[in-house]
Amino acid sequence: MQQWIRDYFQLPLFIRLLSGIFITMIIFGTSIHLIEPNSFPSIFDGIWWAFITGATVGYGDYVPLTVPGKLIAMLLIFSGGGLLTFYMVTIASTTVEHERALSKGQVNYKGESHIIVIGWNERTRQLIDMMRKDDIKDNIVLIDETINHLYQNLANIHFIKGDATNEETLEKANVCKARMAVVTANPSKKEHQSDQAVIHQLVALKGHHPNLFIIAEVLTERQKINAERAGANTVIRSNDFMSSLFYHELYRKDPLQPFQLFLNLLTNRQFHEEKVSSSLAGKPMIQILEHYLNQSSQVIGIRNGNNFYFDFDSNTTLTEEDYLVLFTPFNE
């Protein structure tokens, strides 16, 4: 008996309340049936009356006529009505509290195959906006310790507040069931401190999920190799990328704006690698270009082993060992 009581009080509050309501209504419904079998022909009729009376609806289809029956009804109104009201208030307050905890990053994520994004910054915000624009439905778990609550209320974004190197934080984000992770650099820190933080986060993620595919951002070239050793599958050196864009903007010889052009390309198209098929092997490049243009794709390079070639002419021929680097629409 003591074990049953202990198990009962370990159940969530709303389940205990709901079970208490059902037990109370069954007791009152059975009692009124036994006291007034003519007015309440079956136990179910009694339970129906108990629920309707306890909820203060009062349809009047079943009414106690005897003094004992009316006393039962009075007890039901005092006990059952208050219990139902308390249950509804508890559900409402629990829902509000859950929403508050959700916005503050205190609720564990229970889903699978989600994308972990570490760090809330302008790059993260734009990434989420682009995913929404392209109607990508992937669930994202955002881990950040600098913000108190997530300002954007988005259905597919789950916020976890905490340090991404902390075991408890990673468990809350359900990292072991995640599909991919993106680790962004913290722009508020010095470059070497930001890169060290990224590497520590990589080690923590790989320790929690060794097979997790991770894209990491570093700010300095010398930390690229360390990020790869820490487990990053792809390392993005944002400073190098921006420096190259600055260089092209400074020394461009025509009105074309390289940054805006590159931004538009990456927003609307994606890089894709495809092995040369047997039907295209041995054919001149002009025919290969025409083949992919008919598919709304452009050939921008050739990969042979670890070597990339971006300069080729119309007579260049390829083998089945080569790979084509393509620029394709995102919807393909």
C-alpha atoms as a PDB file:
ATOM      1  CA  MET A   1       0.000   0.000   0.000  1.00  0.00           C
ATOM      2  CA  GLN A   2       2.825   2.379   0.910  1.00  0.00           C
ATOM      3  CA  GLN A   3       4.519   1.633  -2.426  1.00  0.00           C
ATOM      4  CA  TRP A   4       1.290   2.475  -4.294  1.00  0.00           C
ATOM      5  CA  ILE A   5       1.037   5.783  -2.419  1.00  0.00           C
ATOM      6  CA  ARG A   6       4.697   6.555  -3.172  1.00  0.00           C
ATOM      7  CA  ASP A   7       4.231   5.745  -6.868  1.00  0.00           C
ATOM      8  CA  TYR A   8       1.083   7.879  -6.971  1.00  0.00           C
ATOM      9  CA  PHE A   9       2.849  10.962  -5.636  1.00  0.00           C
ATOM     10  CA  GLN A  10       5.680  10.490  -8.151  1.00  0.00           C
ATOM     11  CA  LEU A  11       3.225  10.970 -11.035  1.00  0.00           C
ATOM     12  CA  PRO A  12       2.905  14.424 -12.668  1.00  0.00           C
ATOM     13  CA  LEU A  13       0.479  16.722 -10.870  1.00  0.00           C
ATOM     14  CA  PHE A  14      -2.083  16.950 -13.682  1.00  0.00           C
ATOM     15  CA  ILE A  15      -2.245  13.122 -13.923  1.00  0.00           C
ATOM     16  CA  ARG A  16      -2.827  12.867 -10.164  1.00  0.00           C
ATOM     17  CA  LEU A  17      -5.582  15.487 -10.395  1.00  0.00           C
ATOM     18  CA  LEU A  18      -7.213  13.819 -13.395  1.00  0.00           C
ATOM     19  CA  SER A  19      -7.165  10.406 -11.759  1.00  0.00           C
ATOM     20  CA  GLY A  20      -8.565  11.972  -8.556  1.00  0.00           C
ATOM     21  CA  ILE A  21     -11.428  13.509 -10.524  1.00  0.00           C
ATOM     22  CA  PHE A  22     -12.305  10.191 -12.195  1.00  0.00           C
ATOM     23  CA  ILE A  23     -12.217   8.290  -8.897  1.00  0.00           C
ATOM     24  CA  THR A  24     -14.379  10.949  -7.200  1.00  0.00           C
ATOM     25  CA  MET A  25     -16.953  10.963 -10.003  1.00  0.00           C
ATOM     26  CA  ILE A  26     -17.107   7.159 -10.085  1.00  0.00           C
ATOM     27  CA  ILE A  27     -17.716   7.056  -6.326  1.00  0.00           C
ATOM     28  CA  PHE A  28     -20.478   9.704  -6.470  1.00  0.00           C
ATOM     29  CA  GLY A  29     -22.004   8.188  -9.610  1.00  0.00           C
ATOM     30  CA  THR A  30     -22.116   4.706  -8.103  1.00  0.00           C
ATOM     31  CA  SER A  31     -23.502   6.047  -4.808  1.00  0.00           C
ATOM     32  CA  ILE A  32     -26.366   7.967  -6.447  1.00  0.00           C
ATOM     33  CA  HIS A  33     -27.269   4.887  -8.510  1.00  0.00           C
ATOM     34  CA  LEU A  34     -27.471   2.721  -5.373  1.00  0.00           C
ATOM     35  CA  ILE A  35     -29.478   5.330  -3.463  1.00  0.00           C
ATOM     36  CA  GLU A  36     -31.910   6.225  -6.286  1.00  0.00           C
ATOM     37  CA  PRO A  37     -31.978   3.351  -8.812  1.00  0.00           C
ATOM     38  CA  ASN A  38     -35.243   4.600 -10.295  1.00  0.00           C
ATOM     39  CA  SER A  39     -33.890   8.083 -11.100  1.00  0.00           C
ATOM     40  CA  PHE A  40     -30.463   6.721 -12.140  1.00  0.00           C
ATOM     41  CA  PRO A  41     -31.078   3.357 -13.892  1.00  0.00           C
ATOM     42  CA  SER A  42     -27.386   2.507 -14.424  1.00  0.00           C
ATOM     43  CA  ILE A  43     -24.002   3.268 -12.896  1.00  0.00           C
ATOM     44  CA  PHE A  44     -23.045   5.051 -16.112  1.00  0.00           C
ATOM     45  CA  ASP A  45     -26.085   7.355 -15.745  1.00  0.00           C
ATOM     46  CA  GLY A  46     -24.901   8.139 -12.228  1.00  0.00           C
ATOM     47  CA  ILE A  47     -21.349   8.864 -13.371  1.00  0.00           C
ATOM     48  CA  TRP A  48     -22.691  11.047 -16.212  1.00  0.00           C
ATOM     49  CA  TRP A  49     -24.750  13.025 -13.696  1.00  0.00           C
ATOM     50  CA  ALA A  50     -21.714  13.336 -11.379  1.00  0.00           C
ATOM     51  CA  PHE A  51     -19.534  14.806 -14.142  1.00  0.00           C
ATOM     52  CA  ILE A  52     -22.248  17.201 -15.336  1.00  0.00           C
ATOM     53  CA  THR A  53     -23.006  18.344 -11.803  1.00  0.00           C
ATOM     54  CA  GLY A  54     -19.344  18.587 -10.789  1.00  0.00           C
ATOM     55  CA  ALA A  55     -18.622  20.710 -13.844  1.00  0.00           C
ATOM     56  CA  THR A  56     -21.580  22.984 -12.890  1.00  0.00           C
ATOM     57  CA  VAL A  57     -23.148  22.441 -16.328  1.00  0.00           C
ATOM     58  CA  GLY A  58     -26.424  21.008 -15.002  1.00  0.00           C
ATOM     59  CA  TYR A  59     -28.367  19.651 -17.985  1.00  0.00           C
ATOM     60  CA  GLY A  60     -31.190  18.500 -15.689  1.00  0.00           C
ATOM     61  CA  ASP A  61     -31.689  15.157 -17.447  1.00  0.00           C
ATOM     62  CA  TYR A  62     -30.995  13.325 -14.174  1.00  0.00           C
ATOM     63  CA  VAL A  63     -32.098  14.810 -10.821  1.00  0.00           C
ATOM     64  CA  PRO A  64     -31.982  13.283  -7.317  1.00  0.00           C
ATOM     65  CA  LEU A  65     -35.415  13.217  -5.671  1.00  0.00           C
ATOM     66  CA  THR A  66     -34.761  11.807  -2.197  1.00  0.00           C
ATOM     67  CA  VAL A  67     -33.118  13.501   0.771  1.00  0.00           C
ATOM     68  CA  PRO A  68     -30.108  11.123   0.758  1.00  0.00           C
ATOM     69  CA  GLY A  69     -29.733  11.713  -2.979  1.00  0.00           C
ATOM     70  CA  LYS A  70     -29.832  15.483  -2.529  1.00  0.00           C
ATOM     71  CA  LEU A  71     -27.221  15.219   0.254  1.00  0.00           C
ATOM     72  CA  ILE A  72     -24.984  13.273  -2.151  1.00  0.00           C
ATOM     73  CA  ALA A  73     -25.516  16.049  -4.708  1.00  0.00           C
ATOM     74  CA  MET A  74     -24.548  18.715  -2.152  1.00  0.00           C
ATOM     75  CA  LEU A  75     -21.367  16.835  -1.245  1.00  0.00           C
ATOM     76  CA  LEU A  76     -20.561  16.472  -4.949  1.00  0.00           C
ATOM     77  CA  ILE A  77     -20.987  20.207  -5.565  1.00  0.00           C
ATOM     78  CA  PHE A  78     -18.698  21.046  -2.639  1.00  0.00           C
ATOM     79  CA  SER A  79     -16.019  18.513  -3.509  1.00  0.00           C
ATOM     80  CA  GLY A  80     -16.266  17.700  -7.213  1.00  0.00           C
ATOM     81  CA  GLY A  81     -16.911  21.219  -8.428  1.00  0.00           C
ATOM     82  CA  GLY A  82     -13.921  22.594  -6.576  1.00  0.00           C
ATOM     83  CA  LEU A  83     -11.778  19.704  -7.796  1.00  0.00           C
ATOM     84  CA  LEU A  84     -12.653  20.314 -11.432  1.00  0.00           C
ATOM     85  CA  THR A  85     -12.050  24.050 -11.085  1.00  0.00           C
ATOM     86  CA  PHE A  86      -8.706  23.423  -9.403  1.00  0.00           C
ATOM     87  CA  TYR A  87      -7.790  20.985 -12.188  1.00  0.00           C
ATOM     88  CA  MET A  88      -8.535  23.534 -14.919  1.00  0.00           C
ATOM     89  CA  VAL A  89      -6.643  26.274 -13.087  1.00  0.00           C
ATOM     90  CA  THR A  90      -3.691  23.926 -12.607  1.00  0.00           C
ATOM     91  CA  ILE A  91      -3.660  22.985 -16.299  1.00  0.00           C
ATOM     92  CA  ALA A  92      -3.762  26.670 -17.286  1.00  0.00           C
ATOM     93  CA  SER A  93      -1.000  27.683 -14.894  1.00  0.00           C
ATOM     94  CA  THR A  94       1.122  24.669 -15.912  1.00  0.00           C
ATOM     95  CA  THR A  95       0.742  25.619 -19.593  1.00  0.00           C
ATOM     96  CA  VAL A  96       1.763  29.214 -18.902  1.00  0.00           C
ATOM     97  CA  GLU A  97       4.716  28.063 -16.813  1.00  0.00           C
ATOM     98  CA  HIS A  98       5.784  25.633 -19.537  1.00  0.00           C
ATOM     99  CA  GLU A  99       5.671  28.405 -22.157  1.00  0.00           C
ATOM    100  CA  ARG A 100       7.725  30.648 -19.889  1.00  0.00           C
ATOM    101  CA  ALA A 101      10.287  27.912 -19.260  1.00  0.00           C
ATOM    102  CA  LEU A 102      10.375  27.168 -23.004  1.00  0.00           C
ATOM    103  CA  SER A 103      11.189  30.771 -23.902  1.00  0.00           C
ATOM    104  CA  LYS A 104      13.885  30.859 -21.198  1.00  0.00           C
ATOM    105  CA  GLY A 105      15.579  27.729 -22.549  1.00  0.00           C
ATOM    106  CA  GLN A 106      14.829  25.496 -19.554  1.00  0.00           C
ATOM    107  CA  VAL A 107      12.852  22.723 -21.290  1.00  0.00           C
ATOM    108  CA  ASN A 108      14.591  19.578 -22.569  1.00  0.00           C
ATOM    109  CA  TYR A 109      14.287  18.759 -26.264  1.00  0.00           C
ATOM    110  CA  LYS A 110      12.837  15.292 -26.934  1.00  0.00           C
ATOM    111  CA  GLY A 111      12.940  15.150 -30.750  1.00  0.00           C
ATOM    112  CA  GLU A 112      15.366  13.421 -33.103  1.00  0.00           C
ATOM    113  CA  SER A 113      17.253  14.166 -36.351  1.00  0.00           C
ATOM    114  CA  HIS A 114      17.412  17.863 -35.465  1.00  0.00           C
ATOM    115  CA  ILE A 115      20.116  20.428 -36.178  1.00  0.00           C
ATOM    116  CA  ILE A 116      22.107  21.844 -33.264  1.00  0.00           C
ATOM    117  CA  VAL A 117      23.118  25.489 -33.680  1.00  0.00           C
ATOM    118  CA  ILE A 118      25.493  26.926 -31.085  1.00  0.00           C
ATOM    119  CA  GLY A 119      25.538  30.692 -30.617  1.00  0.00           C
ATOM    120  CA  TRP A 120      22.823  33.305 -31.181  1.00  0.00           C
ATOM    121  CA  ASN A 121      24.168  36.082 -33.426  1.00  0.00           C
ATOM    122  CA  GLU A 122      23.380  37.831 -36.686  1.00  0.00           C
ATOM    123  CA  ARG A 123      24.692  34.922 -38.770  1.00  0.00           C
ATOM    124  CA  THR A 124      22.458  32.483 -36.907  1.00  0.00           C
ATOM    125  CA  ARG A 125      19.449  34.744 -37.284  1.00  0.00           C
ATOM    126  CA  GLN A 126      20.010  35.095 -41.033  1.00  0.00           C
ATOM    127  CA  LEU A 127      20.484  31.329 -41.372  1.00  0.00           C
ATOM    128  CA  ILE A 128      17.095  30.732 -39.707  1.00  0.00           C
ATOM    129  CA  ASP A 129      15.471  33.425 -41.856  1.00  0.00           C
ATOM    130  CA  MET A 130      16.811  31.786 -45.053  1.00  0.00           C
ATOM    131  CA  MET A 131      15.530  28.395 -43.944  1.00  0.00           C
ATOM    132  CA  ARG A 132      12.087  29.898 -43.302  1.00  0.00           C
ATOM    133  CA  LYS A 133      12.152  31.671 -46.683  1.00  0.00           C
ATOM    134  CA  ASP A 134      12.896  28.366 -48.469  1.00  0.00           C
ATOM    135  CA  ASP A 135      10.246  26.608 -46.352  1.00  0.00           C
ATOM    136  CA  ILE A 136      12.757  24.175 -44.846  1.00  0.00           C
ATOM    137  CA  LYS A 137      11.062  22.307 -41.992  1.00  0.00           C
ATOM    138  CA  ASP A 138      14.141  21.025 -40.156  1.00  0.00           C
ATOM    139  CA  ASN A 139      13.887  21.381 -36.382  1.00  0.00           C
ATOM    140  CA  ILE A 140      16.645  23.502 -34.854  1.00  0.00           C
ATOM    141  CA  VAL A 141      17.867  23.401 -31.272  1.00  0.00           C
ATOM    142  CA  LEU A 142      19.653  26.653 -30.452  1.00  0.00           C
ATOM    143  CA  ILE A 143      22.190  26.578 -27.606  1.00  0.00           C
ATOM    144  CA  ASP A 144      23.319  29.920 -26.202  1.00  0.00           C
ATOM    145  CA  GLU A 145      24.303  31.229 -22.773  1.00  0.00           C
ATOM    146  CA  THR A 146      24.305  34.969 -23.507  1.00  0.00           C
ATOM    147  CA  ILE A 147      20.570  35.611 -23.998  1.00  0.00           C
ATOM    148  CA  ASN A 148      17.901  35.261 -21.318  1.00  0.00           C
ATOM    149  CA  HIS A 149      15.122  34.175 -23.644  1.00  0.00           C
ATOM    150  CA  LEU A 150      14.495  33.637 -27.332  1.00  0.00           C
ATOM    151  CA  TYR A 151      12.848  36.703 -28.800  1.00  0.00           C
ATOM    152  CA  GLN A 152      11.530  34.966 -31.926  1.00  0.00           C
ATOM    153  CA  ASN A 153       8.643  32.589 -31.241  1.00  0.00           C
ATOM    154  CA  LEU A 154       9.187  30.057 -34.028  1.00  0.00           C
ATOM    155  CA  ALA A 155       7.596  26.613 -34.058  1.00  0.00           C
ATOM    156  CA  ASN A 156      10.690  24.762 -35.300  1.00  0.00           C
ATOM    157  CA  ILE A 157      13.200  26.541 -33.017  1.00  0.00           C
ATOM    158  CA  HIS A 158      13.825  25.105 -29.548  1.00  0.00           C
ATOM    159  CA  PHE A 159      16.031  27.217 -27.288  1.00  0.00           C
ATOM    160  CA  ILE A 160      18.364  25.743 -24.660  1.00  0.00           C
ATOM    161  CA  LYS A 161      20.111  28.244 -22.401  1.00  0.00           C
ATOM    162  CA  GLY A 162      23.513  27.092 -21.245  1.00  0.00           C
ATOM    163  CA  ASP A 163      27.167  26.448 -21.988  1.00  0.00           C
ATOM    164  CA  ALA A 164      27.619  24.118 -24.979  1.00  0.00           C
ATOM    165  CA  THR A 165      30.616  22.479 -23.282  1.00  0.00           C
ATOM    166  CA  ASN A 166      28.472  21.492 -20.298  1.00  0.00           C
ATOM    167  CA  GLU A 167      27.243  17.884 -20.224  1.00  0.00           C
ATOM    168  CA  GLU A 168      23.854  18.857 -18.799  1.00  0.00           C
ATOM    169  CA  THR A 169      23.274  21.418 -21.561  1.00  0.00           C
ATOM    170  CA  LEU A 170      24.092  18.876 -24.277  1.00  0.00           C
ATOM    171  CA  GLU A 171      21.739  16.350 -22.710  1.00  0.00           C
ATOM    172  CA  LYS A 172      18.957  18.961 -22.646  1.00  0.00           C
ATOM    173  CA  ALA A 173      19.554  19.541 -26.370  1.00  0.00           C
ATOM    174  CA  ASN A 174      19.403  15.755 -26.989  1.00  0.00           C
ATOM    175  CA  VAL A 175      22.679  15.934 -28.919  1.00  0.00           C
ATOM    176  CA  CYS A 176      22.995  12.143 -29.073  1.00  0.00           C
ATOM    177  CA  LYS A 177      19.927  12.067 -31.381  1.00  0.00           C
ATOM    178  CA  ALA A 178      20.903  15.118 -33.492  1.00  0.00           C
ATOM    179  CA  ARG A 179      21.673  14.896 -37.212  1.00  0.00           C
ATOM    180  CA  MET A 180      24.032  17.856 -37.672  1.00  0.00           C
ATOM    181  CA  ALA A 181      25.540  20.709 -35.703  1.00  0.00           C
ATOM    182  CA  VAL A 182      26.700  24.222 -36.557  1.00  0.00           C
ATOM    183  CA  VAL A 183      29.170  25.895 -34.209  1.00  0.00           C
ATOM    184  CA  THR A 184      29.478  29.655 -34.746  1.00  0.00           C
ATOM    185  CA  ALA A 185      32.246  31.916 -33.512  1.00  0.00           C
ATOM    186  CA  ASN A 186      31.433  34.451 -30.793  1.00  0.00           C
ATOM    187  CA  PRO A 187      32.004  37.938 -32.275  1.00  0.00           C
ATOM    188  CA  SER A 188      32.050  39.559 -28.823  1.00  0.00           C
ATOM    189  CA  LYS A 189      35.271  37.733 -27.852  1.00  0.00           C
ATOM    190  CA  LYS A 190      38.814  38.236 -29.061  1.00  0.00           C
ATOM    191  CA  GLU A 191      39.630  36.108 -32.085  1.00  0.00           C
ATOM    192  CA  HIS A 192      41.858  33.564 -30.326  1.00  0.00           C
ATOM    193  CA  GLN A 193      39.410  33.279 -27.412  1.00  0.00           C
ATOM    194  CA  SER A 194      36.496  32.753 -29.795  1.00  0.00           C
ATOM    195  CA  ASP A 195      38.359  30.028 -31.707  1.00  0.00           C
ATOM    196  CA  GLN A 196      39.362  28.277 -28.480  1.00  0.00           C
ATOM    197  CA  ALA A 197      35.718  28.299 -27.372  1.00  0.00           C
ATOM    198  CA  VAL A 198      34.691  26.766 -30.725  1.00  0.00           C
ATOM    199  CA  ILE A 199      37.279  23.986 -30.337  1.00  0.00           C
ATOM    200  CA  HIS A 200      36.130  23.221 -26.777  1.00  0.00           C
ATOM    201  CA  GLN A 201      32.549  23.002 -28.037  1.00  0.00           C
ATOM    202  CA  LEU A 202      33.632  20.660 -30.842  1.00  0.00           C
ATOM    203  CA  VAL A 203      35.336  18.343 -28.357  1.00  0.00           C
ATOM    204  CA  ALA A 204      32.227  18.328 -26.144  1.00  0.00           C
ATOM    205  CA  LEU A 205      29.892  17.584 -29.090  1.00  0.00           C
ATOM    206  CA  LYS A 206      32.062  14.762 -30.444  1.00  0.00           C
ATOM    207  CA  GLY A 207      32.439  13.310 -26.958  1.00  0.00           C
ATOM    208  CA  HIS A 208      28.656  13.210 -26.679  1.00  0.00           C
ATOM    209  CA  HIS A 209      27.947  12.068 -30.256  1.00  0.00           C
ATOM    210  CA  PRO A 210      31.093  10.774 -32.053  1.00  0.00           C
ATOM    211  CA  ASN A 211      29.341  10.429 -35.451  1.00  0.00           C
ATOM    212  CA  LEU A 212      27.748  13.880 -35.444  1.00  0.00           C
ATOM    213  CA  PHE A 213      28.406  15.893 -38.628  1.00  0.00           C
ATOM    214  CA  ILE A 214      29.673  19.317 -37.517  1.00  0.00           C
ATOM    215  CA  ILE A 215      30.199  22.572 -39.404  1.00  0.00           C
ATOM    216  CA  ALA A 216      32.429  24.942 -37.428  1.00  0.00           C
ATOM    217  CA  GLU A 217      33.333  28.589 -37.885  1.00  0.00           C
ATOM    218  CA  VAL A 218      36.792  29.847 -36.891  1.00  0.00           C
ATOM    219  CA  LEU A 219      38.208  33.324 -37.201  1.00  0.00           C
ATOM    220  CA  THR A 220      41.925  32.589 -37.592  1.00  0.00           C
ATOM    221  CA  GLU A 221      43.723  30.406 -40.124  1.00  0.00           C
ATOM    222  CA  ARG A 222      46.013  28.811 -37.542  1.00  0.00           C
ATOM    223  CA  GLN A 223      43.063  27.298 -35.659  1.00  0.00           C
ATOM    224  CA  LYS A 224      41.652  25.536 -38.727  1.00  0.00           C
ATOM    225  CA  ILE A 225      43.773  22.415 -38.216  1.00  0.00           C
ATOM    226  CA  ASN A 226      42.875  22.328 -34.514  1.00  0.00           C
ATOM    227  CA  ALA A 227      39.176  22.543 -35.353  1.00  0.00           C
ATOM    228  CA  GLU A 228      39.564  19.625 -37.775  1.00  0.00           C
ATOM    229  CA  ARG A 229      41.440  17.609 -35.158  1.00  0.00           C
ATOM    230  CA  ALA A 230      38.685  18.377 -32.656  1.00  0.00           C
ATOM    231  CA  GLY A 231      36.157  16.751 -34.969  1.00  0.00           C
ATOM    232  CA  ALA A 232      34.794  19.394 -37.349  1.00  0.00           C
ATOM    233  CA  ASN A 233      33.780  17.891 -40.685  1.00  0.00           C
ATOM    234  CA  THR A 234      33.716  21.306 -42.375  1.00  0.00           C
ATOM    235  CA  VAL A 235      35.607  24.381 -41.181  1.00  0.00           C
ATOM    236  CA  ILE A 236      34.529  27.818 -42.388  1.00  0.00           C
ATOM    237  CA  ARG A 237      37.107  30.574 -41.990  1.00  0.00           C
ATOM    238  CA  SER A 238      34.843  33.603 -41.993  1.00  0.00           C
ATOM    239  CA  ASN A 239      37.659  36.159 -41.745  1.00  0.00           C
ATOM    240  CA  ASP A 240      39.397  34.744 -44.839  1.00  0.00           C
ATOM    241  CA  PHE A 241      36.144  34.782 -46.751  1.00  0.00           C
ATOM    242  CA  MET A 242      35.365  38.378 -45.818  1.00  0.00           C
ATOM    243  CA  SER A 243      38.920  39.507 -46.558  1.00  0.00           C
ATOM    244  CA  SER A 244      38.673  38.054 -50.077  1.00  0.00           C
ATOM    245  CA  LEU A 245      35.408  39.901 -50.637  1.00  0.00           C
ATOM    246  CA  PHE A 246      36.933  43.149 -49.391  1.00  0.00           C
ATOM    247  CA  TYR A 247      39.851  42.654 -51.788  1.00  0.00           C
ATOM    248  CA  HIS A 248      37.535  42.116 -54.761  1.00  0.00           C
ATOM    249  CA  GLU A 249      35.436  45.118 -53.812  1.00  0.00           C
ATOM    250  CA  LEU A 250      38.527  47.342 -53.483  1.00  0.00           C
ATOM    251  CA  TYR A 251      40.134  46.373 -56.776  1.00  0.00           C
ATOM    252  CA  ARG A 252      37.235  45.586 -59.069  1.00  0.00           C
ATOM    253  CA  LYS A 253      37.569  47.123 -62.530  1.00  0.00           C
ATOM    254  CA  ASP A 254      33.882  47.368 -63.477  1.00  0.00           C
ATOM    255  CA  PRO A 255      30.592  48.402 -61.847  1.00  0.00           C
ATOM    256  CA  LEU A 256      29.743  44.819 -60.878  1.00  0.00           C
ATOM    257  CA  GLN A 257      29.639  44.394 -57.091  1.00  0.00           C
ATOM    258  CA  PRO A 258      31.276  41.038 -56.159  1.00  0.00           C
ATOM    259  CA  PHE A 259      29.786  40.848 -52.660  1.00  0.00           C
ATOM    260  CA  GLN A 260      26.186  41.366 -53.770  1.00  0.00           C
ATOM    261  CA  LEU A 261      26.657  39.007 -56.718  1.00  0.00           C
ATOM    262  CA  PHE A 262      28.099  36.263 -54.529  1.00  0.00           C
ATOM    263  CA  LEU A 263      25.376  36.781 -51.909  1.00  0.00           C
ATOM    264  CA  ASN A 264      22.634  36.433 -54.529  1.00  0.00           C
ATOM    265  CA  LEU A 265      24.257  33.291 -55.936  1.00  0.00           C
ATOM    266  CA  LEU A 266      24.561  31.570 -52.547  1.00  0.00           C
ATOM    267  CA  THR A 267      21.025  32.530 -51.601  1.00  0.00           C
ATOM    268  CA  ASN A 268      19.442  31.047 -54.730  1.00  0.00           C
ATOM    269  CA  ARG A 269      21.799  28.255 -55.779  1.00  0.00           C
ATOM    270  CA  GLN A 270      23.980  25.594 -54.185  1.00  0.00           C
ATOM    271  CA  PHE A 271      27.247  23.821 -54.905  1.00  0.00           C
ATOM    272  CA  HIS A 272      26.869  20.206 -55.973  1.00  0.00           C
ATOM    273  CA  GLU A 273      29.381  17.493 -56.900  1.00  0.00           C
ATOM    274  CA  GLU A 274      28.497  14.769 -59.378  1.00  0.00           C
ATOM    275  CA  LYS A 275      30.527  11.876 -60.770  1.00  0.00           C
ATOM    276  CA  VAL A 276      30.972  11.889 -64.545  1.00  0.00           C
ATOM    277  CA  SER A 277      28.582   9.314 -65.981  1.00  0.00           C
ATOM    278  CA  SER A 278      29.603   6.743 -68.568  1.00  0.00           C
ATOM    279  CA  SER A 279      27.404   8.495 -71.146  1.00  0.00           C
ATOM    280  CA  LEU A 280      29.380  11.747 -70.733  1.00  0.00           C
ATOM    281  CA  ALA A 281      32.884  10.275 -70.360  1.00  0.00           C
ATOM    282  CA  GLY A 282      35.077  10.969 -73.385  1.00  0.00           C
ATOM    283  CA  LYS A 283      32.791  13.651 -74.764  1.00  0.00           C
ATOM    284  CA  PRO A 284      34.057  17.227 -75.290  1.00  0.00           C
ATOM    285  CA  MET A 285      33.302  19.735 -72.547  1.00  0.00           C
ATOM    286  CA  ILE A 286      31.019  21.756 -74.827  1.00  0.00           C
ATOM    287  CA  GLN A 287      28.543  18.839 -74.894  1.00  0.00           C
ATOM    288  CA  ILE A 288      28.788  18.361 -71.133  1.00  0.00           C
ATOM    289  CA  LEU A 289      28.099  22.059 -70.565  1.00  0.00           C
ATOM    290  CA  GLU A 290      25.063  21.878 -72.836  1.00  0.00           C
ATOM    291  CA  HIS A 291      23.813  18.759 -71.045  1.00  0.00           C
ATOM    292  CA  TYR A 292      23.816  20.472 -67.618  1.00  0.00           C
ATOM    293  CA  LEU A 293      22.516  23.779 -68.945  1.00  0.00           C
ATOM    294  CA  ASN A 294      19.402  21.888 -70.040  1.00  0.00           C
ATOM    295  CA  GLN A 295      19.022  20.934 -66.348  1.00  0.00           C
ATOM    296  CA  SER A 296      19.434  24.576 -65.202  1.00  0.00           C
ATOM    297  CA  SER A 297      22.895  23.786 -63.798  1.00  0.00           C
ATOM    298  CA  GLN A 298      26.300  25.282 -64.553  1.00  0.00           C
ATOM    299  CA  VAL A 299      29.615  23.425 -64.531  1.00  0.00           C
ATOM    300  CA  ILE A 300      32.113  25.571 -62.607  1.00  0.00           C
ATOM    301  CA  GLY A 301      34.940  23.115 -61.976  1.00  0.00           C
ATOM    302  CA  ILE A 302      36.393  19.625 -62.213  1.00  0.00           C
ATOM    303  CA  ARG A 303      37.730  17.482 -59.379  1.00  0.00           C
ATOM    304  CA  ASN A 304      40.218  14.706 -59.970  1.00  0.00           C
ATOM    305  CA  GLY A 305      41.227  13.102 -56.689  1.00  0.00           C
ATOM    306  CA  ASN A 306      42.064  15.984 -54.359  1.00  0.00           C
ATOM    307  CA  ASN A 307      42.837  18.411 -57.181  1.00  0.00           C
ATOM    308  CA  PHE A 308      40.355  21.003 -58.447  1.00  0.00           C
ATOM    309  CA  TYR A 309      40.465  22.598 -61.904  1.00  0.00           C
ATOM    310  CA  PHE A 310      38.452  25.671 -62.835  1.00  0.00           C
ATOM    311  CA  ASP A 311      40.137  26.420 -66.171  1.00  0.00           C
ATOM    312  CA  PHE A 312      38.996  24.238 -69.071  1.00  0.00           C
ATOM    313  CA  ASP A 313      38.138  24.738 -72.737  1.00  0.00           C
ATOM    314  CA  SER A 314      35.419  23.419 -75.004  1.00  0.00           C
ATOM    315  CA  ASN A 315      37.564  20.462 -76.134  1.00  0.00           C
ATOM    316  CA  THR A 316      38.447  19.193 -72.649  1.00  0.00           C
ATOM    317  CA  THR A 317      37.397  15.559 -72.185  1.00  0.00           C
ATOM    318  CA  LEU A 318      36.703  13.772 -68.899  1.00  0.00           C
ATOM    319  CA  THR A 319      36.821  10.201 -67.624  1.00  0.00           C
ATOM    320  CA  GLU A 320      34.560   8.303 -65.236  1.00  0.00           C
ATOM    321  CA  GLU A 321      37.140   8.962 -62.508  1.00  0.00           C
ATOM    322  CA  ASP A 322      36.435  12.708 -62.631  1.00  0.00           C
ATOM    323  CA  TYR A 323      33.826  14.679 -60.706  1.00  0.00           C
ATOM    324  CA  LEU A 324      32.015  17.789 -61.868  1.00  0.00           C
ATOM    325  CA  VAL A 325      31.494  20.732 -59.524  1.00  0.00           C
ATOM    326  CA  LEU A 326      28.081  22.178 -60.340  1.00  0.00           C
ATOM    327  CA  PHE A 327      26.022  25.195 -59.364  1.00  0.00           C
ATOM    328  CA  THR A 328      22.404  24.027 -59.105  1.00  0.00           C
ATOM    329  CA  PRO A 329      19.094  25.506 -57.979  1.00  0.00           C
ATOM    330  CA  PHE A 330      18.236  24.931 -54.309  1.00  0.00           C
ATOM    331  CA  ASN A 331      14.963  23.188 -55.121  1.00  0.00           C
ATOM    332  CA  GLU A 332      16.679  20.281 -56.820  1.00  0.00           C
END
